[in-house]
Amino acid sequence: MNYSFTTLAESYLHRLDSVAVPLSPDWGIRWYGLAYAAGFIVAWLLIRWMARTGRSLIPERAVGDLMMYSVVGVLVGGRLGYALFYRPELFLTFSASPPWWELLAIHHGGMASHGGILGVVIAMCVFARKNQLPALHLVDMVAIAAPPGLFFGRLANFINGELWGKRLSDAMQIDPPWWSVKYPEEIYLGTVDVSSVATSVGGETTLHTQIVESLRSADPVVTEAIIGQLTAWWPSQLFQAMTDGPILMVILVAVWWRPRRPGIVGGWFLIGYGALRIVTEVIRQPDDGVALLFGMQRGQLLSVGMILFGIVMIVLCSRRSVQAIGGLWRSSQNKNNLKTKHPV
């Protein structure tokens, strides 16, 4: 794996390998999987800390079970949401090789954050009913624990070279800024003249593939001849990593700095995530095969719905006659007293 940064023509030439630990020529441990694992581990540590210090009604012994429900909710909801919102044909696509049903082929990529959020909410409702806990409080807990996972996920998107940003303006293409990114895979689009290096990389049948591999391995001859022709793109994955991660986390910490009625933090998560997603989608390419509606991308439309639902959630939860819970500045609370004042 090669992690060096090529800055010819001032843009970063993307050469990161999506496989973190190769175990065989055909498969290995991918950064995307590690990103999910890291997100769940950080969430588990945060929720366990809140449970142990009395900032939550969740018994510390139940945090592990809570995380298992969250994992199932994210994976099932994220995959079903991706198929439902972006690729409905996956429900009807089958193959002769495992896992046979394309809907189950998560290793091919395709998870929707909006679907994952919905899946977690459903999972928390089930967990709350089983453990006699306020469902809205559980939603608050997973909401404040979610930004690290969203952050790692967007970083994995960048490492995978997926979810490209939009093309920089023509004026910026002349002298691309250092933060822009160029992808060797643009060769496959057929928009780059590769005739000057055709003889140096091999036969015509695999010409584009060999050029891409030469760029990824920093071949000096191919890089010098091709990189100036590649398009500079917005690194939208990195922008969304910052907004969905640290910035959203700061917002939620500020909201829950003092105790809140159950559901308030979850509502602010929906508003904050939705608003930040709408802003950052401006520099991200629309998903293939997904038409724009009212000039907005599918992710922006879903985020509008999240914002509206978050507003309604905050208004309704603010009017409930229940005691406020949490408060990140507080060192402890009396859980037994709180439990008697909160309906399930």
Protein backbone atom coordinates (compact mmCIF):
# COMPACT_ATOMS: atom_id res chain seq x y z
CA MET A 1 0.00 0.00 0.00
CA ASN A 2 1.24 3.42 -0.89
CA TYR A 3 0.18 6.37 1.27
CA SER A 4 2.51 9.09 -0.02
CA PHE A 5 0.98 12.36 -1.19
CA THR A 6 1.65 13.36 -4.78
CA THR A 7 1.11 17.09 -5.25
CA LEU A 8 2.06 17.56 -8.89
CA ALA A 9 -0.06 20.26 -10.54
CA GLU A 10 -0.80 21.27 -6.91
CA SER A 11 -3.76 18.89 -6.55
CA TYR A 12 -3.51 15.77 -4.43
CA LEU A 13 -3.32 12.66 -6.62
CA HIS A 14 -5.45 10.03 -4.91
CA ARG A 15 -3.49 6.79 -4.55
CA LEU A 16 -4.85 5.35 -1.30
CA ASP A 17 -5.65 1.65 -1.11
CA SER A 18 -9.13 0.69 0.10
CA VAL A 19 -7.68 -2.49 1.66
CA ALA A 20 -6.03 -1.82 5.02
CA VAL A 21 -4.78 -5.37 5.65
CA PRO A 22 -4.55 -7.64 2.59
CA LEU A 23 -5.08 -11.27 3.59
CA SER A 24 -5.03 -12.80 0.11
CA PRO A 25 -4.85 -11.61 -3.50
CA ASP A 26 -8.64 -11.42 -3.60
CA TRP A 27 -9.70 -10.02 -0.24
CA GLY A 28 -8.63 -8.41 2.99
CA ILE A 29 -9.70 -6.12 5.80
CA ARG A 30 -10.93 -2.85 4.30
CA TRP A 31 -10.72 0.64 5.72
CA TYR A 32 -14.50 0.93 5.40
CA GLY A 33 -15.00 -1.99 7.77
CA LEU A 34 -12.42 -0.60 10.18
CA ALA A 35 -14.21 2.77 10.08
CA TYR A 36 -17.47 1.13 11.16
CA ALA A 37 -15.66 -0.80 13.90
CA ALA A 38 -13.92 2.35 15.17
CA GLY A 39 -17.18 4.28 15.21
CA PHE A 40 -18.95 1.59 17.25
CA ILE A 41 -16.03 1.30 19.69
CA VAL A 42 -15.93 5.06 20.34
CA ALA A 43 -19.74 5.11 20.75
CA TRP A 44 -19.54 2.20 23.21
CA LEU A 45 -16.87 3.95 25.27
CA LEU A 46 -18.85 7.21 25.37
CA ILE A 47 -22.17 5.58 26.30
CA ARG A 48 -20.49 3.38 28.92
CA TRP A 49 -18.87 6.47 30.47
CA MET A 50 -22.23 8.24 30.63
CA ALA A 51 -23.85 5.18 32.17
CA ARG A 52 -21.06 4.70 34.73
CA THR A 53 -21.04 8.36 35.81
CA GLY A 54 -24.81 8.64 36.20
CA ARG A 55 -25.38 10.81 33.15
CA SER A 56 -27.71 8.21 31.68
CA LEU A 57 -30.53 5.93 32.82
CA ILE A 58 -28.91 2.99 31.03
CA PRO A 59 -27.38 0.43 33.42
CA GLU A 60 -23.69 0.01 32.67
CA ARG A 61 -24.16 -3.75 32.29
CA ALA A 62 -26.67 -3.13 29.46
CA VAL A 63 -24.41 -0.93 27.33
CA GLY A 64 -23.00 -3.91 25.41
CA ASP A 65 -26.50 -5.09 24.47
CA LEU A 66 -27.43 -1.55 23.48
CA MET A 67 -24.48 -1.42 21.10
CA MET A 68 -25.43 -4.75 19.53
CA TYR A 69 -28.89 -3.36 18.78
CA SER A 70 -27.24 -0.23 17.36
CA VAL A 71 -24.94 -2.28 15.10
CA VAL A 72 -27.88 -4.22 13.68
CA GLY A 73 -29.88 -1.02 13.24
CA VAL A 74 -27.08 0.75 11.38
CA LEU A 75 -26.22 -2.16 9.09
CA VAL A 76 -29.77 -3.23 8.25
CA GLY A 77 -31.15 0.30 8.06
CA GLY A 78 -28.17 1.62 6.13
CA ARG A 79 -28.34 -1.11 3.51
CA LEU A 80 -32.13 -1.08 3.14
CA GLY A 81 -32.07 2.72 3.00
CA TYR A 82 -29.45 2.67 0.24
CA ALA A 83 -31.50 0.22 -1.81
CA LEU A 84 -34.77 2.04 -1.17
CA PHE A 85 -33.53 5.61 -1.72
CA TYR A 86 -30.86 5.09 -4.39
CA ARG A 87 -30.78 1.56 -5.89
CA PRO A 88 -34.22 -0.12 -5.73
CA GLU A 89 -33.10 -2.61 -8.39
CA LEU A 90 -30.98 -4.33 -5.70
CA PHE A 91 -34.18 -5.87 -4.31
CA LEU A 92 -34.63 -7.77 -7.60
CA THR A 93 -31.00 -8.52 -8.54
CA PHE A 94 -29.65 -12.03 -7.99
CA SER A 95 -26.44 -13.80 -9.02
CA ALA A 96 -24.99 -17.31 -9.14
CA SER A 97 -22.30 -16.54 -6.52
CA PRO A 98 -22.56 -15.79 -2.79
CA PRO A 99 -24.37 -14.00 -1.27
CA TRP A 100 -26.65 -14.58 -4.31
CA TRP A 101 -28.95 -11.67 -3.48
CA GLU A 102 -27.35 -8.32 -4.37
CA LEU A 103 -29.13 -6.65 -1.46
CA LEU A 104 -26.87 -8.68 0.86
CA ALA A 105 -23.67 -7.85 -1.04
CA ILE A 106 -22.52 -5.14 1.36
CA HIS A 107 -18.90 -5.82 0.35
CA HIS A 108 -19.74 -4.21 -3.01
CA GLY A 109 -20.48 -0.96 -1.17
CA GLY A 110 -23.68 0.95 -0.68
CA MET A 111 -24.88 2.24 2.68
CA ALA A 112 -27.16 5.23 3.25
CA SER A 113 -26.62 7.32 6.37
CA HIS A 114 -30.26 8.39 6.42
CA GLY A 115 -31.34 4.75 6.39
CA GLY A 116 -28.83 3.92 9.12
CA ILE A 117 -30.24 6.67 11.33
CA LEU A 118 -33.78 5.37 10.86
CA GLY A 119 -32.60 1.83 11.57
CA VAL A 120 -30.99 2.90 14.86
CA VAL A 121 -34.13 4.74 15.96
CA ILE A 122 -36.19 1.59 15.40
CA ALA A 123 -33.59 -0.52 17.20
CA MET A 124 -33.65 1.87 20.19
CA CYS A 125 -37.44 1.63 20.40
CA VAL A 126 -37.21 -2.17 20.51
CA PHE A 127 -34.41 -2.08 23.10
CA ALA A 128 -36.33 0.44 25.24
CA ARG A 129 -39.46 -1.71 25.28
CA LYS A 130 -37.48 -4.81 26.22
CA ASN A 131 -35.54 -3.10 29.03
CA GLN A 132 -38.25 -0.73 30.35
CA LEU A 133 -36.28 2.43 29.49
CA PRO A 134 -37.44 5.73 27.92
CA ALA A 135 -37.01 5.30 24.16
CA LEU A 136 -36.37 9.00 23.61
CA HIS A 137 -33.50 8.93 26.11
CA LEU A 138 -31.88 6.07 24.21
CA VAL A 139 -32.27 8.04 20.99
CA ASP A 140 -30.45 10.94 22.68
CA MET A 141 -27.63 8.63 23.75
CA VAL A 142 -26.97 7.18 20.32
CA ALA A 143 -27.34 10.64 18.76
CA ILE A 144 -24.51 12.14 20.78
CA ALA A 145 -22.39 9.02 20.21
CA ALA A 146 -22.93 8.98 16.42
CA PRO A 147 -20.65 11.81 15.12
CA PRO A 148 -17.35 9.89 15.56
CA GLY A 149 -18.74 7.06 13.45
CA LEU A 150 -19.96 9.47 10.78
CA PHE A 151 -16.51 11.07 10.78
CA PHE A 152 -14.70 7.75 10.31
CA GLY A 153 -17.16 6.71 7.62
CA ARG A 154 -16.53 9.80 5.51
CA LEU A 155 -12.77 9.33 5.86
CA ALA A 156 -13.25 5.77 4.59
CA ASN A 157 -15.24 7.14 1.63
CA PHE A 158 -12.24 9.31 0.76
CA ILE A 159 -9.78 6.44 1.12
CA ASN A 160 -11.99 4.31 -1.14
CA GLY A 161 -12.06 7.08 -3.76
CA GLU A 162 -15.87 7.08 -3.81
CA LEU A 163 -18.57 9.75 -3.58
CA TRP A 164 -16.53 12.27 -5.55
CA GLY A 165 -17.07 15.97 -5.10
CA LYS A 166 -18.04 18.26 -7.93
CA ARG A 167 -15.63 19.48 -10.56
CA LEU A 168 -13.81 22.72 -9.75
CA SER A 169 -14.52 25.69 -12.02
CA ASP A 170 -12.60 26.11 -15.27
CA ALA A 171 -10.64 29.02 -13.80
CA MET A 172 -9.50 26.87 -10.86
CA GLN A 173 -8.54 23.98 -13.17
CA ILE A 174 -5.71 26.07 -14.61
CA ASP A 175 -3.90 26.20 -11.28
CA PRO A 176 -5.73 23.80 -8.93
CA PRO A 177 -5.51 24.56 -5.19
CA TRP A 178 -3.57 22.19 -2.95
CA TRP A 179 -6.72 20.91 -1.25
CA SER A 180 -8.34 19.69 -4.47
CA VAL A 181 -8.04 16.04 -5.49
CA LYS A 182 -7.45 14.18 -8.74
CA TYR A 183 -8.47 10.54 -9.25
CA PRO A 184 -6.55 8.13 -11.52
CA GLU A 185 -9.87 6.35 -12.13
CA GLU A 186 -10.96 9.29 -14.28
CA ILE A 187 -9.06 7.48 -17.03
CA TYR A 188 -11.96 5.02 -17.26
CA LEU A 189 -14.30 7.87 -18.24
CA GLY A 190 -12.48 8.21 -21.58
CA THR A 191 -11.99 11.97 -21.22
CA VAL A 192 -8.18 11.88 -21.00
CA ASP A 193 -5.81 11.52 -23.98
CA VAL A 194 -3.59 8.55 -23.14
CA SER A 195 -1.93 8.12 -26.52
CA SER A 196 1.38 9.57 -25.33
CA VAL A 197 1.90 6.74 -22.82
CA ALA A 198 0.20 3.89 -24.68
CA THR A 199 3.44 2.24 -25.71
CA SER A 200 5.07 2.55 -22.30
CA VAL A 201 2.44 0.68 -20.30
CA GLY A 202 1.47 -2.29 -22.46
CA GLY A 203 -1.17 -3.58 -24.84
CA GLU A 204 -4.36 -1.88 -25.91
CA THR A 205 -6.69 -4.43 -24.29
CA THR A 206 -5.76 -3.33 -20.76
CA LEU A 207 -4.46 0.13 -21.56
CA HIS A 208 -6.71 2.13 -19.24
CA THR A 209 -6.26 -0.29 -16.35
CA GLN A 210 -2.49 -0.23 -16.70
CA ILE A 211 -2.41 3.56 -16.83
CA VAL A 212 -4.51 3.77 -13.69
CA GLU A 213 -2.19 1.33 -11.92
CA SER A 214 0.84 3.28 -13.12
CA LEU A 215 -0.61 6.50 -11.70
CA ARG A 216 -1.43 4.81 -8.42
CA SER A 217 2.10 3.42 -8.14
CA ALA A 218 3.63 6.86 -8.90
CA ASP A 219 5.24 5.90 -12.20
CA PRO A 220 7.11 9.14 -13.01
CA VAL A 221 6.74 8.94 -16.81
CA VAL A 222 3.02 8.21 -16.79
CA THR A 223 2.34 10.66 -13.96
CA GLU A 224 4.10 13.54 -15.71
CA ALA A 225 2.26 12.87 -18.97
CA ILE A 226 -1.23 12.37 -17.52
CA ILE A 227 -1.68 14.28 -14.27
CA GLY A 228 -2.02 17.67 -15.95
CA GLN A 229 -5.00 16.36 -17.93
CA LEU A 230 -6.85 15.01 -14.92
CA THR A 231 -9.72 17.04 -13.50
CA ALA A 232 -9.45 18.64 -10.08
CA TRP A 233 -12.46 17.86 -7.83
CA TRP A 234 -13.79 19.11 -4.52
CA PRO A 235 -12.79 16.71 -1.67
CA SER A 236 -16.40 16.60 -0.50
CA GLN A 237 -15.77 13.47 1.58
CA LEU A 238 -13.32 15.38 3.80
CA PHE A 239 -15.63 18.38 4.13
CA GLN A 240 -18.46 16.06 5.19
CA ALA A 241 -16.14 14.22 7.58
CA MET A 242 -15.54 17.51 9.41
CA THR A 243 -19.18 18.63 9.42
CA ASP A 244 -20.71 15.24 10.27
CA GLY A 245 -18.05 14.57 12.89
CA PRO A 246 -16.37 17.33 14.96
CA ILE A 247 -18.74 20.18 14.07
CA LEU A 248 -21.89 18.15 14.72
CA MET A 249 -20.36 16.82 17.95
CA VAL A 250 -19.68 20.36 19.21
CA ILE A 251 -23.31 21.29 18.52
CA LEU A 252 -24.66 18.30 20.45
CA VAL A 253 -22.28 18.77 23.37
CA ALA A 254 -23.41 22.40 23.63
CA VAL A 255 -27.06 21.29 23.60
CA TRP A 256 -26.56 18.61 26.26
CA TRP A 257 -24.13 20.58 28.42
CA ARG A 258 -26.98 20.81 30.92
CA PRO A 259 -29.79 18.28 31.50
CA ARG A 260 -32.47 18.09 28.81
CA ARG A 261 -35.83 16.41 28.50
CA PRO A 262 -35.57 13.13 26.58
CA GLY A 263 -35.72 13.64 22.82
CA ILE A 264 -34.26 17.16 22.72
CA VAL A 265 -30.73 16.03 21.88
CA GLY A 266 -32.04 13.61 19.26
CA GLY A 267 -34.07 16.40 17.68
CA TRP A 268 -31.04 18.66 17.53
CA PHE A 269 -29.06 15.83 15.94
CA LEU A 270 -31.62 15.62 13.13
CA ILE A 271 -31.57 19.39 12.64
CA GLY A 272 -27.79 19.71 12.82
CA TYR A 273 -26.99 16.72 10.62
CA GLY A 274 -29.68 17.64 8.11
CA ALA A 275 -28.55 21.27 7.81
CA LEU A 276 -24.86 20.40 7.50
CA ARG A 277 -25.65 17.70 4.93
CA ILE A 278 -27.65 20.16 2.80
CA VAL A 279 -24.75 22.63 2.82
CA THR A 280 -22.03 20.12 1.98
CA GLU A 281 -24.05 18.36 -0.73
CA VAL A 282 -23.57 21.53 -2.79
CA ILE A 283 -19.99 20.42 -3.54
CA ARG A 284 -20.80 16.71 -3.92
CA GLN A 285 -21.79 14.99 -7.16
CA PRO A 286 -25.33 13.57 -7.29
CA ASP A 287 -25.48 9.80 -7.02
CA ASP A 288 -25.63 7.98 -10.35
CA GLY A 289 -29.13 7.34 -11.57
CA VAL A 290 -30.74 9.62 -8.99
CA ALA A 291 -32.59 12.55 -10.53
CA LEU A 292 -32.67 15.97 -8.94
CA LEU A 293 -35.96 17.29 -7.59
CA PHE A 294 -36.62 20.99 -7.12
CA GLY A 295 -32.93 21.52 -7.86
CA MET A 296 -31.96 19.42 -4.83
CA GLN A 297 -30.14 16.11 -4.62
CA ARG A 298 -31.74 13.09 -2.98
CA GLY A 299 -29.57 13.45 0.12
CA GLN A 300 -30.63 17.10 0.48
CA LEU A 301 -34.32 16.25 0.19
CA LEU A 302 -34.00 13.55 2.84
CA SER A 303 -32.15 16.04 5.03
CA VAL A 304 -34.98 18.56 4.69
CA GLY A 305 -37.31 15.89 6.03
CA MET A 306 -34.91 15.24 8.91
CA ILE A 307 -34.84 18.93 9.83
CA LEU A 308 -38.64 19.20 9.84
CA PHE A 309 -38.97 16.05 11.92
CA GLY A 310 -36.28 17.32 14.32
CA ILE A 311 -38.14 20.61 14.83
CA VAL A 312 -41.40 18.80 15.56
CA MET A 313 -39.56 16.44 17.90
CA ILE A 314 -38.04 19.30 19.92
CA VAL A 315 -41.34 21.14 20.22
CA LEU A 316 -43.24 18.08 21.42
CA CYS A 317 -40.51 16.85 23.77
CA SER A 318 -40.12 20.31 25.33
CA ARG A 319 -43.78 20.21 26.38
CA ARG A 320 -43.61 16.82 28.10
CA SER A 321 -43.91 16.79 31.89
CA VAL A 322 -40.80 14.72 32.54
CA GLN A 323 -37.57 15.46 34.34
CA ALA A 324 -34.51 16.53 32.39
CA ILE A 325 -31.76 13.91 32.07
CA GLY A 326 -28.02 14.04 31.54
CA GLY A 327 -25.96 17.16 31.47
CA LEU A 328 -22.39 16.49 30.39
CA TRP A 329 -21.02 18.87 33.02
CA ARG A 330 -22.57 16.89 35.87
CA SER A 331 -20.53 14.20 37.59
CA SER A 332 -23.45 12.05 38.79
CA GLN A 333 -27.20 11.66 39.14
CA ASN A 334 -29.56 9.49 41.15
CA LYS A 335 -30.76 7.02 38.53
CA ASN A 336 -33.38 5.40 40.74
CA ASN A 337 -35.16 8.69 41.34
CA LEU A 338 -35.01 9.58 37.65
CA LYS A 339 -36.42 6.24 36.57
CA THR A 340 -39.53 6.72 38.66
CA LYS A 341 -40.24 10.03 36.94
CA HIS A 342 -39.84 8.91 33.35
CA PRO A 343 -42.44 6.88 31.46
CA VAL A 344 -41.11 4.19 29.16
